[in-house]
């Protein structure tokens, strides 16, 4: 083997080792990113479920407020009607 062939062989070995090192580093980065994507996806799903639950709770509270508002309106109307029917000076205490 000539000196040039030996130099080329050594250079090829170094390049091959560098390639292998870079390949391993990139593989590690890809795996780390996959793990991050999986965690983020799980967190996103949990947040989506929470938003859905809170939206349902908000709707239920809105319906409850509407019912209470209707009850207050009826009670106000009833009190107004009852006050007109009561003799003066005989109110509730």
PDB file of N, CA and C in Angstrom:
ATOM      1  N   UNK A   1       0.855  -1.165   0.000  1.00  0.00           N
ATOM      2  CA  UNK A   1       0.000   0.000   0.000  1.00  0.00           C
ATOM      3  C   UNK A   1       0.906   1.234   0.000  1.00  0.00           C
ATOM      4  N   UNK A   2       0.588   2.147  -0.859  1.00  0.00           N
ATOM      5  CA  UNK A   2       1.403   3.348  -0.949  1.00  0.00           C
ATOM      6  C   UNK A   2       1.026   4.305   0.170  1.00  0.00           C
ATOM      7  N   UNK A   3       1.846   5.293   0.367  1.00  0.00           N
ATOM      8  CA  UNK A   3       1.602   6.291   1.410  1.00  0.00           C
ATOM      9  C   UNK A   3       0.296   7.042   1.131  1.00  0.00           C
ATOM     10  N   UNK A   4       0.036   7.331  -0.119  1.00  0.00           N
ATOM     11  CA  UNK A   4      -1.201   8.032  -0.480  1.00  0.00           C
ATOM     12  C   UNK A   4      -2.415   7.174  -0.166  1.00  0.00           C
ATOM     13  N   UNK A   5      -2.358   5.898  -0.461  1.00  0.00           N
ATOM     14  CA  UNK A   5      -3.468   4.988  -0.162  1.00  0.00           C
ATOM     15  C   UNK A   5      -3.699   4.905   1.341  1.00  0.00           C
ATOM     16  N   UNK A   6      -2.618   4.884   2.108  1.00  0.00           N
ATOM     17  CA  UNK A   6      -2.754   4.835   3.559  1.00  0.00           C
ATOM     18  C   UNK A   6      -3.406   6.112   4.090  1.00  0.00           C
ATOM     19  N   UNK A   7      -2.998   7.253   3.542  1.00  0.00           N
ATOM     20  CA  UNK A   7      -3.585   8.536   3.957  1.00  0.00           C
ATOM     21  C   UNK A   7      -5.078   8.566   3.624  1.00  0.00           C
ATOM     22  N   UNK A   8      -5.401   8.097   2.423  1.00  0.00           N
ATOM     23  CA  UNK A   8      -6.808   8.080   2.010  1.00  0.00           C
ATOM     24  C   UNK A   8      -7.620   7.128   2.883  1.00  0.00           C
ATOM     25  N   UNK A   9      -7.035   5.978   3.223  1.00  0.00           N
ATOM     26  CA  UNK A   9      -7.727   5.016   4.078  1.00  0.00           C
ATOM     27  C   UNK A   9      -7.971   5.609   5.461  1.00  0.00           C
ATOM     28  N   UNK A  10      -6.965   6.255   6.016  1.00  0.00           N
ATOM     29  CA  UNK A  10      -7.118   6.887   7.338  1.00  0.00           C
ATOM     30  C   UNK A  10      -8.154   8.010   7.288  1.00  0.00           C
ATOM     31  N   UNK A  11      -8.113   8.806   6.229  1.00  0.00           N
ATOM     32  CA  UNK A  11      -9.089   9.894   6.088  1.00  0.00           C
ATOM     33  C   UNK A  11     -10.500   9.328   5.988  1.00  0.00           C
ATOM     34  N   UNK A  12     -10.657   8.259   5.252  1.00  0.00           N
ATOM     35  CA  UNK A  12     -11.963   7.617   5.105  1.00  0.00           C
ATOM     36  C   UNK A  12     -12.442   7.071   6.439  1.00  0.00           C
ATOM     37  N   UNK A  13     -11.525   6.471   7.226  1.00  0.00           N
ATOM     38  CA  UNK A  13     -11.885   5.964   8.546  1.00  0.00           C
ATOM     39  C   UNK A  13     -12.347   7.103   9.468  1.00  0.00           C
ATOM     40  N   UNK A  14     -11.621   8.237   9.425  1.00  0.00           N
ATOM     41  CA  UNK A  14     -12.004   9.390  10.256  1.00  0.00           C
ATOM     42  C   UNK A  14     -13.369   9.925   9.835  1.00  0.00           C
ATOM     43  N   UNK A  15     -13.571  10.047   8.542  1.00  0.00           N
ATOM     44  CA  UNK A  15     -14.867  10.531   8.047  1.00  0.00           C
ATOM     45  C   UNK A  15     -15.991   9.573   8.425  1.00  0.00           C
ATOM     46  N   UNK A  16     -15.719   8.293   8.343  1.00  0.00           N
ATOM     47  CA  UNK A  16     -16.715   7.287   8.693  1.00  0.00           C
ATOM     48  C   UNK A  16     -17.056   7.388  10.182  1.00  0.00           C
ATOM     49  N   UNK A  17     -16.031   7.568  11.025  1.00  0.00           N
ATOM     50  CA  UNK A  17     -16.257   7.702  12.476  1.00  0.00           C
ATOM     51  C   UNK A  17     -17.041   8.987  12.771  1.00  0.00           C
ATOM     52  N   UNK A  18     -16.684  10.075  12.095  1.00  0.00           N
ATOM     53  CA  UNK A  18     -17.416  11.342  12.283  1.00  0.00           C
ATOM     54  C   UNK A  18     -18.875  11.188  11.852  1.00  0.00           C
ATOM     55  N   UNK A  19     -19.066  10.513  10.723  1.00  0.00           N
ATOM     56  CA  UNK A  19     -20.430  10.288  10.232  1.00  0.00           C
ATOM     57  C   UNK A  19     -21.238   9.488  11.254  1.00  0.00           C
ATOM     58  N   UNK A  20     -20.625   8.442  11.791  1.00  0.00           N
ATOM     59  CA  UNK A  20     -21.298   7.604  12.782  1.00  0.00           C
ATOM     60  C   UNK A  20     -21.649   8.411  14.036  1.00  0.00           C
ATOM     61  N   UNK A  21     -20.717   9.248  14.479  1.00  0.00           N
ATOM     62  CA  UNK A  21     -20.955  10.099  15.655  1.00  0.00           C
ATOM     63  C   UNK A  21     -22.108  11.064  15.398  1.00  0.00           C
ATOM     64  N   UNK A  22     -22.088  11.708  14.237  1.00  0.00           N
ATOM     65  CA  UNK A  22     -23.158  12.650  13.881  1.00  0.00           C
ATOM     66  C   UNK A  22     -24.502  11.928  13.750  1.00  0.00           C
ATOM     67  N   UNK A  23     -24.460  10.750  13.166  1.00  0.00           N
ATOM     68  CA  UNK A  23     -25.687   9.953  12.998  1.00  0.00           C
ATOM     69  C   UNK A  23     -26.290   9.633  14.367  1.00  0.00           C
ATOM     70  N   UNK A  24     -25.453   9.222  15.311  1.00  0.00           N
ATOM     71  CA  UNK A  24     -25.927   8.907  16.661  1.00  0.00           C
ATOM     72  C   UNK A  24     -26.477  10.154  17.349  1.00  0.00           C
ATOM     73  N   UNK A  25     -25.778  11.275  17.181  1.00  0.00           N
ATOM     74  CA  UNK A  25     -26.232  12.540  17.785  1.00  0.00           C
ATOM     75  C   UNK A  25     -27.589  12.941  17.216  1.00  0.00           C
ATOM     76  N   UNK A  26     -27.729  12.850  15.911  1.00  0.00           N
ATOM     77  CA  UNK A  26     -29.010  13.198  15.280  1.00  0.00           C
ATOM     78  C   UNK A  26     -30.112  12.238  15.701  1.00  0.00           C
ATOM     79  N   UNK A  27     -29.783  10.967  15.815  1.00  0.00           N
ATOM     80  CA  UNK A  27     -30.784   9.993  16.267  1.00  0.00           C
ATOM     81  C   UNK A  27     -31.268  10.332  17.675  1.00  0.00           C
ATOM     82  N   UNK A  28     -30.331  10.717  18.541  1.00  0.00           N
ATOM     83  CA  UNK A  28     -30.694  11.126  19.899  1.00  0.00           C
ATOM     84  C   UNK A  28     -31.595  12.351  19.900  1.00  0.00           C
ATOM     85  N   UNK A  29     -31.273  13.316  19.021  1.00  0.00           N
ATOM     86  CA  UNK A  29     -32.102  14.519  18.924  1.00  0.00           C
ATOM     87  C   UNK A  29     -33.506  14.182  18.419  1.00  0.00           C
ATOM     88  N   UNK A  30     -33.570  13.298  17.440  1.00  0.00           N
ATOM     89  CA  UNK A  30     -34.873  12.900  16.893  1.00  0.00           C
ATOM     90  C   UNK A  30     -35.713  12.219  17.970  1.00  0.00           C
ATOM     91  N   UNK A  31     -35.092  11.323  18.744  1.00  0.00           N
ATOM     92  CA  UNK A  31     -35.811  10.634  19.812  1.00  0.00           C
ATOM     93  C   UNK A  31     -36.287  11.624  20.870  1.00  0.00           C
ATOM     94  N   UNK A  32     -35.427  12.584  21.214  1.00  0.00           N
ATOM     95  CA  UNK A  32     -35.822  13.604  22.200  1.00  0.00           C
ATOM     96  C   UNK A  32     -37.007  14.413  21.678  1.00  0.00           C
ATOM     97  N   UNK A  33     -36.977  14.762  20.399  1.00  0.00           N
ATOM     98  CA  UNK A  33     -38.088  15.516  19.807  1.00  0.00           C
ATOM     99  C   UNK A  33     -39.363  14.683  19.768  1.00  0.00           C
ATOM    100  N   UNK A  34     -39.234  13.402  19.467  1.00  0.00           N
ATOM    101  CA  UNK A  34     -40.417  12.530  19.472  1.00  0.00           C
ATOM    102  C   UNK A  34     -41.041  12.483  20.860  1.00  0.00           C
ATOM    103  N   UNK A  35     -40.190  12.345  21.870  1.00  0.00           N
ATOM    104  CA  UNK A  35     -40.701  12.337  23.244  1.00  0.00           C
ATOM    105  C   UNK A  35     -41.385  13.643  23.585  1.00  0.00           C
ATOM    106  N   UNK A  36     -40.792  14.733  23.148  1.00  0.00           N
ATOM    107  CA  UNK A  36     -41.385  16.058  23.404  1.00  0.00           C
ATOM    108  C   UNK A  36     -42.732  16.195  22.695  1.00  0.00           C
ATOM    109  N   UNK A  37     -42.805  15.721  21.462  1.00  0.00           N
ATOM    110  CA  UNK A  37     -44.060  15.776  20.703  1.00  0.00           C
ATOM    111  C   UNK A  37     -45.132  14.944  21.393  1.00  0.00           C
ATOM    112  N   UNK A  38     -44.761  13.756  21.876  1.00  0.00           N
ATOM    113  CA  UNK A  38     -45.720  12.901  22.572  1.00  0.00           C
ATOM    114  C   UNK A  38     -46.230  13.571  23.841  1.00  0.00           C
ATOM    115  N   UNK A  39     -45.311  14.159  24.619  1.00  0.00           N
ATOM    116  CA  UNK A  39     -45.722  14.850  25.852  1.00  0.00           C
ATOM    117  C   UNK A  39     -46.615  16.046  25.527  1.00  0.00           C
ATOM    118  N   UNK A  40     -46.229  16.797  24.501  1.00  0.00           N
ATOM    119  CA  UNK A  40     -47.023  17.972  24.120  1.00  0.00           C
ATOM    120  C   UNK A  40     -48.403  17.550  23.628  1.00  0.00           C
ATOM    121  N   UNK A  41     -48.462  16.463  22.869  1.00  0.00           N
ATOM    122  CA  UNK A  41     -49.752  15.964  22.380  1.00  0.00           C
ATOM    123  C   UNK A  41     -50.646  15.551  23.540  1.00  0.00           C
ATOM    124  N   UNK A  42     -50.057  14.874  24.524  1.00  0.00           N
ATOM    125  CA  UNK A  42     -50.831  14.463  25.702  1.00  0.00           C
ATOM    126  C   UNK A  42     -51.326  15.688  26.473  1.00  0.00           C
ATOM    127  N   UNK A  43     -50.463  16.682  26.606  1.00  0.00           N
ATOM    128  CA  UNK A  43     -50.863  17.910  27.308  1.00  0.00           C
ATOM    129  C   UNK A  43     -51.959  18.634  26.534  1.00  0.00           C
ATOM    130  N   UNK A  44     -51.815  18.685  25.216  1.00  0.00           N
ATOM    131  CA  UNK A  44     -52.840  19.330  24.394  1.00  0.00           C
ATOM    132  C   UNK A  44     -54.186  18.628  24.536  1.00  0.00           C
ATOM    133  N   UNK A  45     -54.163  17.305  24.567  1.00  0.00           N
ATOM    134  CA  UNK A  45     -55.401  16.542  24.716  1.00  0.00           C
ATOM    135  C   UNK A  45     -56.037  16.805  26.077  1.00  0.00           C
ATOM    136  N   UNK A  46     -55.205  16.849  27.114  1.00  0.00           N
ATOM    137  CA  UNK A  46     -55.723  17.136  28.458  1.00  0.00           C
ATOM    138  C   UNK A  46     -56.340  18.533  28.503  1.00  0.00           C
ATOM    139  N   UNK A  47     -55.684  19.495  27.868  1.00  0.00           N
ATOM    140  CA  UNK A  47     -56.222  20.855  27.832  1.00  0.00           C
ATOM    141  C   UNK A  47     -57.514  20.911  27.020  1.00  0.00           C
ATOM    142  N   UNK A  48     -57.570  20.167  25.926  1.00  0.00           N
ATOM    143  CA  UNK A  48     -58.783  20.145  25.116  1.00  0.00           C
ATOM    144  C   UNK A  48     -59.958  19.602  25.930  1.00  0.00           C
ATOM    145  N   UNK A  49     -59.697  18.507  26.673  1.00  0.00           N
ATOM    146  CA  UNK A  49     -60.751  17.936  27.515  1.00  0.00           C
ATOM    147  C   UNK A  49     -61.176  18.924  28.607  1.00  0.00           C
ATOM    148  N   UNK A  50     -60.198  19.632  29.170  1.00  0.00           N
ATOM    149  CA  UNK A  50     -60.527  20.616  30.216  1.00  0.00           C
ATOM    150  C   UNK A  50     -61.371  21.748  29.649  1.00  0.00           C
ATOM    151  N   UNK A  51     -61.000  22.230  28.476  1.00  0.00           N
ATOM    152  CA  UNK A  51     -61.777  23.302  27.835  1.00  0.00           C
ATOM    153  C   UNK A  51     -63.199  22.818  27.559  1.00  0.00           C
ATOM    154  N   UNK A  52     -63.319  21.591  27.094  1.00  0.00           N
ATOM    155  CA  UNK A  52     -64.645  21.033  26.816  1.00  0.00           C
ATOM    156  C   UNK A  52     -65.472  20.953  28.100  1.00  0.00           C
ATOM    157  N   UNK A  53     -64.840  20.461  29.178  1.00  0.00           N
ATOM    158  CA  UNK A  53     -65.541  20.352  30.463  1.00  0.00           C
ATOM    159  C   UNK A  53     -65.949  21.732  30.981  1.00  0.00           C
ATOM    160  N   UNK A  54     -65.032  22.699  30.895  1.00  0.00           N
ATOM    161  CA  UNK A  54     -65.344  24.048  31.362  1.00  0.00           C
ATOM    162  C   UNK A  54     -66.440  24.688  30.514  1.00  0.00           C
ATOM    163  N   UNK A  55     -66.438  24.400  29.233  1.00  0.00           N
ATOM    164  CA  UNK A  55     -67.486  24.915  28.356  1.00  0.00           C
ATOM    165  C   UNK A  55     -68.846  24.345  28.756  1.00  0.00           C
ATOM    166  N   UNK A  56     -68.867  23.046  29.063  1.00  0.00           N
ATOM    167  CA  UNK A  56     -70.115  22.419  29.509  1.00  0.00           C
ATOM    168  C   UNK A  56     -70.573  23.017  30.837  1.00  0.00           C
ATOM    169  N   UNK A  57     -69.621  23.231  31.751  1.00  0.00           N
ATOM    170  CA  UNK A  57     -69.961  23.851  33.037  1.00  0.00           C
ATOM    171  C   UNK A  57     -70.482  25.270  32.824  1.00  0.00           C
ATOM    172  N   UNK A  58     -69.856  25.985  31.912  1.00  0.00           N
ATOM    173  CA  UNK A  58     -70.282  27.353  31.608  1.00  0.00           C
ATOM    174  C   UNK A  58     -71.708  27.357  31.051  1.00  0.00           C
ATOM    175  N   UNK A  59     -71.996  26.420  30.164  1.00  0.00           N
ATOM    176  CA  UNK A  59     -73.349  26.313  29.617  1.00  0.00           C
ATOM    177  C   UNK A  59     -74.356  26.015  30.717  1.00  0.00           C
ATOM    178  N   UNK A  60     -73.993  25.094  31.621  1.00  0.00           N
ATOM    179  CA  UNK A  60     -74.895  24.739  32.720  1.00  0.00           C
ATOM    180  C   UNK A  60     -75.126  25.941  33.623  1.00  0.00           C
ATOM    181  N   UNK A  61     -74.071  26.686  33.915  1.00  0.00           N
ATOM    182  CA  UNK A  61     -74.224  27.888  34.749  1.00  0.00           C
ATOM    183  C   UNK A  61     -75.078  28.935  34.044  1.00  0.00           C
ATOM    184  N   UNK A  62     -74.904  29.050  32.741  1.00  0.00           N
ATOM    185  CA  UNK A  62     -75.731  29.997  31.978  1.00  0.00           C
ATOM    186  C   UNK A  62     -77.203  29.632  32.061  1.00  0.00           C
ATOM    187  N   UNK A  63     -77.501  28.333  31.945  1.00  0.00           N
ATOM    188  CA  UNK A  63     -78.890  27.894  32.061  1.00  0.00           C
ATOM    189  C   UNK A  63     -79.425  28.151  33.473  1.00  0.00           C
ATOM    190  N   UNK A  64     -78.587  27.912  34.475  1.00  0.00           N
ATOM    191  CA  UNK A  64     -79.005  28.146  35.857  1.00  0.00           C
ATOM    192  C   UNK A  64     -79.262  29.635  36.095  1.00  0.00           C
ATOM    193  N   UNK A  65     -78.411  30.477  35.574  1.00  0.00           N
ATOM    194  CA  UNK A  65     -78.610  31.928  35.704  1.00  0.00           C
ATOM    195  C   UNK A  65     -79.913  32.340  35.027  1.00  0.00           C
ATOM    196  N   UNK A  66     -80.167  31.778  33.864  1.00  0.00           N
ATOM    197  CA  UNK A  66     -81.406  32.099  33.139  1.00  0.00           C
ATOM    198  C   UNK A  66     -82.627  31.692  33.963  1.00  0.00           C
ATOM    199  N   UNK A  67     -82.585  30.485  34.555  1.00  0.00           N
ATOM    200  CA  UNK A  67     -83.717  30.033  35.397  1.00  0.00           C
ATOM    201  C   UNK A  67     -83.887  30.949  36.605  1.00  0.00           C
ATOM    202  N   UNK A  68     -82.783  31.300  37.250  1.00  0.00           N
ATOM    203  CA  UNK A  68     -82.860  32.177  38.414  1.00  0.00           C
ATOM    204  C   UNK A  68     -83.393  33.552  38.025  1.00  0.00           C
ATOM    205  N   UNK A  69     -82.965  34.042  36.881  1.00  0.00           N
ATOM    206  CA  UNK A  69     -83.457  35.338  36.396  1.00  0.00           C
ATOM    207  C   UNK A  69     -84.968  35.285  36.173  1.00  0.00           C
ATOM    208  N   UNK A  70     -85.432  34.176  35.588  1.00  0.00           N
ATOM    209  CA  UNK A  70     -86.878  34.020  35.381  1.00  0.00           C
ATOM    210  C   UNK A  70     -87.618  33.958  36.718  1.00  0.00           C
ATOM    211  N   UNK A  71     -87.030  33.256  37.697  1.00  0.00           N
ATOM    212  CA  UNK A  71     -87.661  33.177  39.010  1.00  0.00           C
ATOM    213  C   UNK A  71     -87.713  34.544  39.679  1.00  0.00           C
ATOM    214  N   UNK A  72     -86.655  35.312  39.556  1.00  0.00           N
ATOM    215  CA  UNK A  72     -86.632  36.665  40.134  1.00  0.00           C
ATOM    216  C   UNK A  72     -87.687  37.527  39.457  1.00  0.00           C
ATOM    217  N   UNK A  73     -87.798  37.400  38.145  1.00  0.00           N
ATOM    218  CA  UNK A  73     -88.806  38.182  37.421  1.00  0.00           C
ATOM    219  C   UNK A  73     -90.206  37.815  37.899  1.00  0.00           C
ATOM    220  N   UNK A  74     -90.492  36.500  38.004  1.00  0.00           N
ATOM    221  CA  UNK A  74     -91.815  36.079  38.478  1.00  0.00           C
ATOM    222  C   UNK A  74     -92.061  36.530  39.907  1.00  0.00           C
ATOM    223  N   UNK A  75     -91.034  36.419  40.757  1.00  0.00           N
ATOM    224  CA  UNK A  75     -91.180  36.834  42.149  1.00  0.00           C
ATOM    225  C   UNK A  75     -91.420  38.339  42.233  1.00  0.00           C
ATOM    226  N   UNK A  76     -90.712  39.091  41.430  1.00  0.00           N
ATOM    227  CA  UNK A  76     -90.898  40.542  41.406  1.00  0.00           C
ATOM    228  C   UNK A  76     -92.315  40.881  40.956  1.00  0.00           C
ATOM    229  N   UNK A  77     -92.777  40.207  39.924  1.00  0.00           N
ATOM    230  CA  UNK A  77     -94.144  40.438  39.449  1.00  0.00           C
ATOM    231  C   UNK A  77     -95.161  40.050  40.521  1.00  0.00           C
ATOM    232  N   UNK A  78     -94.920  38.907  41.179  1.00  0.00           N
ATOM    233  CA  UNK A  78     -95.817  38.447  42.223  1.00  0.00           C
ATOM    234  C   UNK A  78     -95.856  39.441  43.381  1.00  0.00           C
ATOM    235  N   UNK A  79     -94.680  39.915  43.799  1.00  0.00           N
ATOM    236  CA  UNK A  79     -94.621  40.878  44.903  1.00  0.00           C
ATOM    237  C   UNK A  79     -95.320  42.173  44.526  1.00  0.00           C
ATOM    238  N   UNK A  80     -95.181  42.585  43.303  1.00  0.00           N
ATOM    239  CA  UNK A  80     -95.868  43.795  42.851  1.00  0.00           C
ATOM    240  C   UNK A  80     -97.367  43.592  42.868  1.00  0.00           C
ATOM    241  N   UNK A  81     -97.845  42.434  42.429  1.00  0.00           N
ATOM    242  CA  UNK A  81     -99.270  42.117  42.417  1.00  0.00           C
ATOM    243  C   UNK A  81     -99.785  41.960  43.831  1.00  0.00           C
ATOM    244  N   UNK A  82     -99.025  41.295  44.687  1.00  0.00           N
ATOM    245  CA  UNK A  82     -99.440  41.072  46.071  1.00  0.00           C
ATOM    246  C   UNK A  82     -99.499  42.379  46.829  1.00  0.00           C
ATOM    247  N   UNK A  83     -98.570  43.291  46.574  1.00  0.00           N
ATOM    248  CA  UNK A  83     -98.563  44.573  47.272  1.00  0.00           C
ATOM    249  C   UNK A  83     -99.811  45.370  46.935  1.00  0.00           C
ATOM    250  N   UNK A  84    -100.265  45.260  45.705  1.00  0.00           N
ATOM    251  CA  UNK A  84    -101.465  46.000  45.307  1.00  0.00           C
ATOM    252  C   UNK A  84    -102.702  45.394  45.957  1.00  0.00           C
ATOM    253  N   UNK A  85    -102.684  44.091  46.205  1.00  0.00           N
ATOM    254  CA  UNK A  85    -103.853  43.422  46.795  1.00  0.00           C
ATOM    255  C   UNK A  85    -103.890  43.547  48.310  1.00  0.00           C
ATOM    256  N   UNK A  86    -102.764  43.821  48.969  1.00  0.00           N
ATOM    257  CA  UNK A  86    -102.727  43.900  50.430  1.00  0.00           C
ATOM    258  C   UNK A  86    -103.324  45.208  50.939  1.00  0.00           C
ATOM    259  N   UNK A  87    -104.003  45.151  52.045  1.00  0.00           N
ATOM    260  CA  UNK A  87    -104.472  46.406  52.646  1.00  0.00           C
ATOM    261  C   UNK A  87    -103.255  47.199  53.138  1.00  0.00           C
ATOM    262  N   UNK A  88    -103.389  48.473  53.111  1.00  0.00           N
ATOM    263  CA  UNK A  88    -102.305  49.356  53.513  1.00  0.00           C
ATOM    264  C   UNK A  88    -101.932  49.124  54.966  1.00  0.00           C
ATOM    265  N   UNK A  89    -100.642  48.990  55.245  1.00  0.00           N
ATOM    266  CA  UNK A  89    -100.181  48.831  56.625  1.00  0.00           C
ATOM    267  C   UNK A  89    -100.148  47.422  57.122  1.00  0.00           C
ATOM    268  N   UNK A  90    -100.471  46.458  56.300  1.00  0.00           N
ATOM    269  CA  UNK A  90    -100.436  45.062  56.727  1.00  0.00           C
ATOM    270  C   UNK A  90     -99.418  44.261  55.913  1.00  0.00           C
ATOM    271  N   UNK A  91     -98.244  44.799  55.774  1.00  0.00           N
ATOM    272  CA  UNK A  91     -97.183  44.141  55.007  1.00  0.00           C
ATOM    273  C   UNK A  91     -96.497  43.065  55.793  1.00  0.00           C
ATOM    274  N   UNK A  92     -95.627  42.338  55.138  1.00  0.00           N
ATOM    275  CA  UNK A  92     -94.864  41.262  55.801  1.00  0.00           C
ATOM    276  C   UNK A  92     -93.722  41.867  56.595  1.00  0.00           C
ATOM    277  N   UNK A  93     -93.405  41.241  57.702  1.00  0.00           N
ATOM    278  CA  UNK A  93     -92.267  41.698  58.498  1.00  0.00           C
ATOM    279  C   UNK A  93     -91.371  40.547  58.804  1.00  0.00           C
TER     280      UNK A  93
END
